[in-house]
């Protein structure tokens, strides 16, 4: 008898994404069933001028191609971020490129912004939007194609933003993935400044043409930056009128050495929890709480979520927790947040943000 080899993490991920899309589109009542099982209670809040029914969002990287935009809210997400999307289509790095450590509750990936590219995304998202779209806010993560030199990065980010502008409620400029060569160099002040200048110009032009406000633009930072570098990124973001920071991307540091941990790539999950919280606390203090922060990294339950909020995060994102805790994690976190708000006497989530700094 032929041995059956276990599926890779990436293959399992692709199967789940495809089955979710097909079942939601073709099985009557499937979305209602998901909401019944996994729908979250409301923990209403506002950030960037946008209303969120609950603060827990889907982090970028899970729905890279935006193939399940209308479906994530039925798993209890208050908002979603799709991508990263690059101007040009690219295959990403060679496989295998996604790894799981159950021992550490961590994922390692070196995907390399594999995606169909901005032009194909327009076609795909247009078809999806014509049928059914999300009723929760949708963010789009902007990356840089490997073939685009850093010297032309601003054209790449601004070009992708322009093509996808109509589909997003907010954009995240991703200059912090460890899986595209030299990408993290774009976090430096002058480099980031010209990227944001180009994105802001396109954003304002399209908003004027549509007689509406520009879309919020956030910057996603690396947990591996030194504290002074993080402060410099925040200063640049504020100077450019950015509406927020996503803290943090994956890390190249490792909690230990073993077969999985020795794989190259960015690590997410439980080992990232402490450092991402440190970064949130640092940025919140440095900006005096004036720049909303999206907390992501090691959130798996209400305690880790409340820790991020206390450090200064206005919104949250999950990725690894979906893999290790299952689809009921959002419901559990939002139930717990409501309980925490009552216990601490806060009338809203906004009141609770940064409470650790004030206590």
Protein backbone atom coordinates (compact mmCIF):
# COMPACT_ATOMS: atom_id res chain seq x y z
CA UNK A 1 0.00 0.00 0.00
CA UNK A 2 1.29 3.44 -0.96
CA UNK A 3 2.01 5.68 2.03
CA UNK A 4 -0.05 8.87 2.25
CA UNK A 5 2.20 11.84 2.89
CA UNK A 6 0.87 14.56 5.19
CA UNK A 7 -0.18 17.78 3.51
CA UNK A 8 2.11 20.76 3.88
CA UNK A 9 0.93 23.78 5.88
CA UNK A 10 0.52 25.76 2.69
CA UNK A 11 -1.53 23.01 1.00
CA UNK A 12 -3.81 22.76 4.04
CA UNK A 13 -4.24 26.52 4.04
CA UNK A 14 -5.15 26.57 0.33
CA UNK A 15 -7.70 23.77 0.78
CA UNK A 16 -9.40 25.53 3.69
CA UNK A 17 -9.58 28.80 1.75
CA UNK A 18 -11.07 27.10 -1.29
CA UNK A 19 -13.60 25.02 0.66
CA UNK A 20 -14.75 28.09 2.61
CA UNK A 21 -15.31 30.00 -0.62
CA UNK A 22 -17.14 27.17 -2.39
CA UNK A 23 -19.34 26.21 0.56
CA UNK A 24 -20.28 29.83 1.25
CA UNK A 25 -21.18 30.45 -2.38
CA UNK A 26 -23.05 27.26 -3.16
CA UNK A 27 -24.49 25.76 0.02
CA UNK A 28 -27.70 27.56 1.06
CA UNK A 29 -27.60 28.74 4.66
CA UNK A 30 -23.88 28.02 5.10
CA UNK A 31 -23.03 31.60 6.08
CA UNK A 32 -25.93 31.70 8.55
CA UNK A 33 -24.63 28.49 10.11
CA UNK A 34 -21.15 29.99 10.47
CA UNK A 35 -22.59 33.08 12.14
CA UNK A 36 -24.67 30.93 14.50
CA UNK A 37 -21.62 28.93 15.53
CA UNK A 38 -18.88 31.56 15.48
CA UNK A 39 -20.50 35.00 15.36
CA UNK A 40 -19.07 37.44 17.91
CA UNK A 41 -20.89 39.73 20.31
CA UNK A 42 -20.49 43.45 19.64
CA UNK A 43 -17.62 45.38 21.19
CA UNK A 44 -18.15 48.55 19.20
CA UNK A 45 -15.35 51.03 18.65
CA UNK A 46 -14.09 53.61 16.18
CA UNK A 47 -10.69 54.25 14.65
CA UNK A 48 -9.52 56.25 11.62
CA UNK A 49 -13.07 57.61 11.37
CA UNK A 50 -14.38 54.09 10.73
CA UNK A 51 -16.91 52.21 12.87
CA UNK A 52 -16.02 48.65 13.91
CA UNK A 53 -18.60 46.28 15.42
CA UNK A 54 -15.71 44.60 17.22
CA UNK A 55 -11.96 45.28 17.21
CA UNK A 56 -10.73 41.82 16.17
CA UNK A 57 -9.53 41.77 12.58
CA UNK A 58 -8.07 39.21 10.22
CA UNK A 59 -4.36 39.89 9.70
CA UNK A 60 -2.84 40.12 6.24
CA UNK A 61 -1.42 36.90 4.83
CA UNK A 62 -4.38 34.67 5.60
CA UNK A 63 -6.53 35.74 2.64
CA UNK A 64 -3.76 36.77 0.29
CA UNK A 65 -5.91 36.77 -2.83
CA UNK A 66 -9.01 38.26 -1.23
CA UNK A 67 -11.01 35.21 -2.21
CA UNK A 68 -13.19 35.15 0.91
CA UNK A 69 -13.90 38.85 1.46
CA UNK A 70 -17.63 38.40 2.27
CA UNK A 71 -17.11 35.35 4.48
CA UNK A 72 -14.76 36.32 7.31
CA UNK A 73 -17.33 38.34 9.22
CA UNK A 74 -19.35 35.14 9.69
CA UNK A 75 -16.42 33.81 11.72
CA UNK A 76 -16.75 36.77 14.06
CA UNK A 77 -14.22 39.19 12.58
CA UNK A 78 -14.98 42.89 13.00
CA UNK A 79 -12.79 43.76 10.01
CA UNK A 80 -10.38 42.12 7.60
CA UNK A 81 -7.12 42.84 5.80
CA UNK A 82 -6.41 41.07 2.52
CA UNK A 83 -3.11 40.70 0.70
CA UNK A 84 -0.27 41.61 0.57
CA UNK A 85 -0.81 42.69 -2.99
CA UNK A 86 2.00 43.81 -5.27
CA UNK A 87 1.80 45.78 -8.50
CA UNK A 88 3.06 42.82 -10.53
CA UNK A 89 2.04 39.16 -10.19
CA UNK A 90 4.62 36.94 -8.55
CA UNK A 91 4.98 33.33 -7.52
CA UNK A 92 6.78 34.09 -4.30
CA UNK A 93 9.64 32.08 -2.85
CA UNK A 94 10.29 28.39 -3.60
CA UNK A 95 8.26 25.77 -1.70
CA UNK A 96 8.15 24.60 1.04
CA UNK A 97 7.75 28.06 2.55
CA UNK A 98 5.25 27.70 5.40
CA UNK A 99 5.93 25.77 8.59
CA UNK A 100 4.10 25.06 11.83
CA UNK A 101 5.44 24.49 15.33
CA UNK A 102 2.75 23.09 17.60
CA UNK A 103 5.30 22.98 20.40
CA UNK A 104 5.69 26.78 20.31
CA UNK A 105 2.24 27.69 18.92
CA UNK A 106 4.06 29.46 16.12
CA UNK A 107 4.07 29.67 12.36
CA UNK A 108 7.04 30.45 10.15
CA UNK A 109 6.59 31.60 6.59
CA UNK A 110 8.82 32.81 3.81
CA UNK A 111 6.04 33.17 1.25
CA UNK A 112 7.50 36.23 -0.46
CA UNK A 113 4.31 38.12 -1.35
CA UNK A 114 2.94 35.39 -3.61
CA UNK A 115 -0.15 36.94 -5.20
CA UNK A 116 -1.84 37.41 -8.59
CA UNK A 117 -0.82 41.07 -8.85
CA UNK A 118 -2.87 44.26 -8.75
CA UNK A 119 -4.41 43.99 -12.21
CA UNK A 120 -5.74 40.47 -11.65
CA UNK A 121 -6.94 41.49 -8.19
CA UNK A 122 -9.07 44.26 -9.71
CA UNK A 123 -10.81 41.71 -11.90
CA UNK A 124 -11.28 39.22 -9.08
CA UNK A 125 -12.51 41.72 -6.50
CA UNK A 126 -14.84 43.38 -9.03
CA UNK A 127 -16.58 40.06 -9.68
CA UNK A 128 -16.83 39.38 -5.98
CA UNK A 129 -18.15 42.84 -5.17
CA UNK A 130 -20.82 42.56 -7.85
CA UNK A 131 -22.21 39.46 -6.10
CA UNK A 132 -21.62 40.00 -2.39
CA UNK A 133 -19.21 42.15 -0.40
CA UNK A 134 -18.22 42.40 3.24
CA UNK A 135 -20.33 44.52 5.56
CA UNK A 136 -17.27 44.99 7.81
CA UNK A 137 -14.34 47.30 6.96
CA UNK A 138 -11.88 45.91 4.43
CA UNK A 139 -8.18 46.77 4.51
CA UNK A 140 -5.72 46.04 1.71
CA UNK A 141 -2.07 45.29 2.45
CA UNK A 142 0.31 46.83 -0.10
CA UNK A 143 3.62 45.10 -0.78
CA UNK A 144 6.52 45.56 -3.20
CA UNK A 145 7.26 43.26 -6.10
CA UNK A 146 10.63 41.54 -5.97
CA UNK A 147 11.49 42.83 -9.46
CA UNK A 148 10.93 46.45 -8.46
CA UNK A 149 14.12 48.08 -7.13
CA UNK A 150 13.84 49.99 -3.89
CA UNK A 151 14.62 53.18 -5.79
CA UNK A 152 11.26 52.84 -7.57
CA UNK A 153 9.28 51.57 -4.57
CA UNK A 154 7.05 54.65 -4.36
CA UNK A 155 5.74 54.00 -7.89
CA UNK A 156 4.90 50.41 -6.92
CA UNK A 157 2.99 51.21 -3.75
CA UNK A 158 1.16 54.17 -5.23
CA UNK A 159 0.32 52.22 -8.38
CA UNK A 160 -1.22 49.34 -6.47
CA UNK A 161 -3.13 51.72 -4.21
CA UNK A 162 -4.57 53.47 -7.26
CA UNK A 163 -5.75 50.25 -8.87
CA UNK A 164 -7.33 48.89 -5.69
CA UNK A 165 -8.60 52.16 -4.19
CA UNK A 166 -12.29 51.47 -4.75
CA UNK A 167 -12.18 48.15 -2.88
CA UNK A 168 -10.56 49.31 0.37
CA UNK A 169 -11.77 51.10 3.46
CA UNK A 170 -8.14 51.46 4.51
CA UNK A 171 -4.65 50.63 3.23
CA UNK A 172 -1.61 49.22 5.03
CA UNK A 173 1.82 50.01 3.60
CA UNK A 174 3.90 46.91 4.26
CA UNK A 175 7.60 47.78 4.34
CA UNK A 176 8.42 45.28 7.05
CA UNK A 177 8.07 41.76 5.65
CA UNK A 178 11.32 39.82 6.13
CA UNK A 179 10.68 37.70 3.03
CA UNK A 180 11.40 40.18 0.21
CA UNK A 181 15.10 41.07 -0.15
CA UNK A 182 15.95 44.55 1.19
CA UNK A 183 12.30 45.44 1.79
CA UNK A 184 12.86 46.37 5.42
CA UNK A 185 15.31 49.07 4.30
CA UNK A 186 12.22 51.01 3.19
CA UNK A 187 11.31 51.63 6.84
CA UNK A 188 14.10 54.23 7.01
CA UNK A 189 12.83 57.82 7.24
CA UNK A 190 13.65 59.14 3.76
CA UNK A 191 12.65 55.91 2.04
CA UNK A 192 9.32 55.68 3.84
CA UNK A 193 8.75 59.40 3.37
CA UNK A 194 8.78 59.22 -0.43
CA UNK A 195 6.54 56.12 -0.44
CA UNK A 196 3.95 57.83 1.72
CA UNK A 197 4.21 61.04 -0.29
CA UNK A 198 3.37 59.14 -3.48
CA UNK A 199 0.55 57.17 -1.85
CA UNK A 200 -0.95 60.30 -0.32
CA UNK A 201 -0.93 62.09 -3.68
CA UNK A 202 -2.86 59.27 -5.36
CA UNK A 203 -5.18 58.88 -2.40
CA UNK A 204 -6.08 62.58 -2.36
CA UNK A 205 -6.57 62.74 -6.12
CA UNK A 206 -8.94 59.77 -6.17
CA UNK A 207 -10.83 61.05 -3.13
CA UNK A 208 -11.31 64.45 -4.76
CA UNK A 209 -12.60 62.81 -7.94
CA UNK A 210 -15.07 60.75 -5.88
CA UNK A 211 -16.04 63.74 -3.71
CA UNK A 212 -15.13 61.85 -0.55
CA UNK A 213 -12.41 61.76 2.07
CA UNK A 214 -9.07 60.06 1.43
CA UNK A 215 -8.80 56.47 2.63
CA UNK A 216 -6.85 55.89 5.88
CA UNK A 217 -3.24 54.80 5.27
CA UNK A 218 -1.34 52.87 7.94
CA UNK A 219 2.27 51.68 8.12
CA UNK A 220 3.17 48.16 9.26
CA UNK A 221 6.39 47.94 11.28
CA UNK A 222 8.86 45.20 12.08
CA UNK A 223 9.31 43.96 15.66
CA UNK A 224 13.01 43.61 14.91
CA UNK A 225 13.64 47.36 14.66
CA UNK A 226 15.45 49.04 17.51
CA UNK A 227 13.39 51.39 19.67
CA UNK A 228 14.85 54.56 18.14
CA UNK A 229 14.09 53.22 14.67
CA UNK A 230 10.47 52.53 15.65
CA UNK A 231 10.14 56.08 16.95
CA UNK A 232 11.54 57.40 13.67
CA UNK A 233 8.96 55.42 11.69
CA UNK A 234 6.18 56.83 13.87
CA UNK A 235 7.52 60.37 13.38
CA UNK A 236 7.55 59.91 9.61
CA UNK A 237 4.04 58.47 9.66
CA UNK A 238 2.74 61.41 11.67
CA UNK A 239 4.51 63.96 9.45
CA UNK A 240 2.93 62.34 6.40
CA UNK A 241 -0.56 62.35 7.90
CA UNK A 242 -0.81 58.59 8.27
CA UNK A 243 -3.76 57.47 10.33
CA UNK A 244 -2.17 54.58 12.17
CA UNK A 245 0.54 51.97 12.75
CA UNK A 246 0.23 48.19 12.55
CA UNK A 247 2.46 46.65 15.22
CA UNK A 248 3.87 44.25 14.32
CA UNK A 249 4.86 42.15 11.35
CA UNK A 250 6.58 38.77 11.81
CA UNK A 251 10.00 38.41 13.42
CA UNK A 252 13.23 36.77 12.33
CA UNK A 253 14.15 36.03 15.95
CA UNK A 254 13.52 32.55 17.38
CA UNK A 255 12.57 31.28 20.86
CA UNK A 256 14.66 28.14 20.44
CA UNK A 257 16.49 25.95 17.96
CA UNK A 258 14.86 22.89 16.41
CA UNK A 259 13.93 21.59 12.98
CA UNK A 260 11.08 24.06 12.42
CA UNK A 261 12.60 27.01 14.27
CA UNK A 262 15.73 26.78 12.12
CA UNK A 263 13.70 27.46 8.98
CA UNK A 264 14.24 30.89 7.45
CA UNK A 265 11.33 33.33 7.35
CA UNK A 266 9.09 35.40 9.56
CA UNK A 267 7.72 33.93 12.77
CA UNK A 268 4.23 34.67 14.09
CA UNK A 269 2.26 33.33 17.03
CA UNK A 270 2.87 33.00 20.75
CA UNK A 271 6.64 33.74 20.78
CA UNK A 272 5.95 37.15 19.24
CA UNK A 273 3.48 38.20 21.93
CA UNK A 274 5.88 39.95 24.32
CA UNK A 275 7.84 41.91 21.73
CA UNK A 276 4.77 43.08 19.82
CA UNK A 277 3.28 44.35 23.08
CA UNK A 278 6.53 46.15 23.87
CA UNK A 279 6.42 47.85 20.48
CA UNK A 280 2.81 48.92 20.99
CA UNK A 281 3.63 50.33 24.42
CA UNK A 282 6.65 52.19 23.03
CA UNK A 283 4.76 53.71 20.10
CA UNK A 284 1.77 54.67 22.23
CA UNK A 285 4.02 56.49 24.69
CA UNK A 286 6.12 58.13 21.98
CA UNK A 287 3.05 59.51 20.17
CA UNK A 288 1.13 60.34 23.37
CA UNK A 289 -1.65 58.10 22.12
CA UNK A 290 -2.33 60.33 19.10
CA UNK A 291 -1.60 57.68 16.47
CA UNK A 292 -4.01 54.70 16.58
CA UNK A 293 -2.23 51.37 16.76
CA UNK A 294 -3.36 47.99 15.45
CA UNK A 295 -1.98 45.31 17.76
CA UNK A 296 -0.99 42.01 16.17
CA UNK A 297 1.36 39.27 17.33
CA UNK A 298 0.67 36.41 19.71
CA UNK A 299 -2.99 37.18 20.40
CA UNK A 300 -4.77 33.91 21.14
CA UNK A 301 -7.22 34.63 23.98
CA UNK A 302 -8.80 37.48 25.91
CA UNK A 303 -5.78 37.93 28.20
CA UNK A 304 -3.36 38.48 25.33
CA UNK A 305 -5.92 40.70 23.59
CA UNK A 306 -6.48 42.80 26.75
CA UNK A 307 -2.71 43.09 27.16
CA UNK A 308 -2.46 44.71 23.71
CA UNK A 309 -5.31 47.10 24.45
CA UNK A 310 -3.78 48.06 27.76
CA UNK A 311 -0.48 48.77 26.02
CA UNK A 312 -2.21 51.12 23.60
CA UNK A 313 -3.78 49.14 20.73
CA UNK A 314 -7.10 50.48 19.43
CA UNK A 315 -7.68 47.47 17.16
CA UNK A 316 -6.42 43.89 17.04
CA UNK A 317 -5.56 41.30 14.41
CA UNK A 318 -5.27 37.51 14.44
CA UNK A 319 -3.52 35.03 12.21
CA UNK A 320 -1.83 32.15 14.01
CA UNK A 321 -4.64 31.88 16.57
CA UNK A 322 -7.00 30.72 13.83
CA UNK A 323 -4.67 27.80 13.19
CA UNK A 324 -4.01 26.81 16.81
CA UNK A 325 -7.25 27.86 18.54
CA UNK A 326 -9.78 27.34 15.74
CA UNK A 327 -12.57 29.55 14.37
CA UNK A 328 -14.20 30.06 17.76
CA UNK A 329 -11.35 32.26 18.96
CA UNK A 330 -12.96 35.56 17.89
CA UNK A 331 -16.18 34.83 19.76
CA UNK A 332 -14.24 33.92 22.90
CA UNK A 333 -12.07 37.05 22.73
CA UNK A 334 -14.96 39.45 22.19
CA UNK A 335 -17.00 37.86 24.97
CA UNK A 336 -13.98 38.24 27.21
CA UNK A 337 -13.43 41.87 26.19
CA UNK A 338 -16.99 42.75 27.17
CA UNK A 339 -16.37 41.11 30.52
CA UNK A 340 -13.07 42.97 30.98
CA UNK A 341 -14.68 46.33 30.19
CA UNK A 342 -17.31 45.75 32.89
CA UNK A 343 -14.78 44.52 35.43
CA UNK A 344 -12.59 47.60 34.99
CA UNK A 345 -15.47 50.06 34.77
CA UNK A 346 -14.82 51.24 31.21
CA UNK A 347 -17.78 52.44 29.17
CA UNK A 348 -16.11 51.74 25.84
CA UNK A 349 -13.09 50.09 24.31
CA UNK A 350 -11.65 53.51 23.49
CA UNK A 351 -11.58 54.31 27.23
CA UNK A 352 -9.60 51.13 27.89
CA UNK A 353 -6.90 51.78 25.28
CA UNK A 354 -3.60 52.53 26.97
CA UNK A 355 -4.95 52.01 30.49
CA UNK A 356 -1.67 50.37 31.51
CA UNK A 357 0.07 53.70 30.90
CA UNK A 358 -2.36 55.52 33.17
CA UNK A 359 -2.42 53.01 36.03
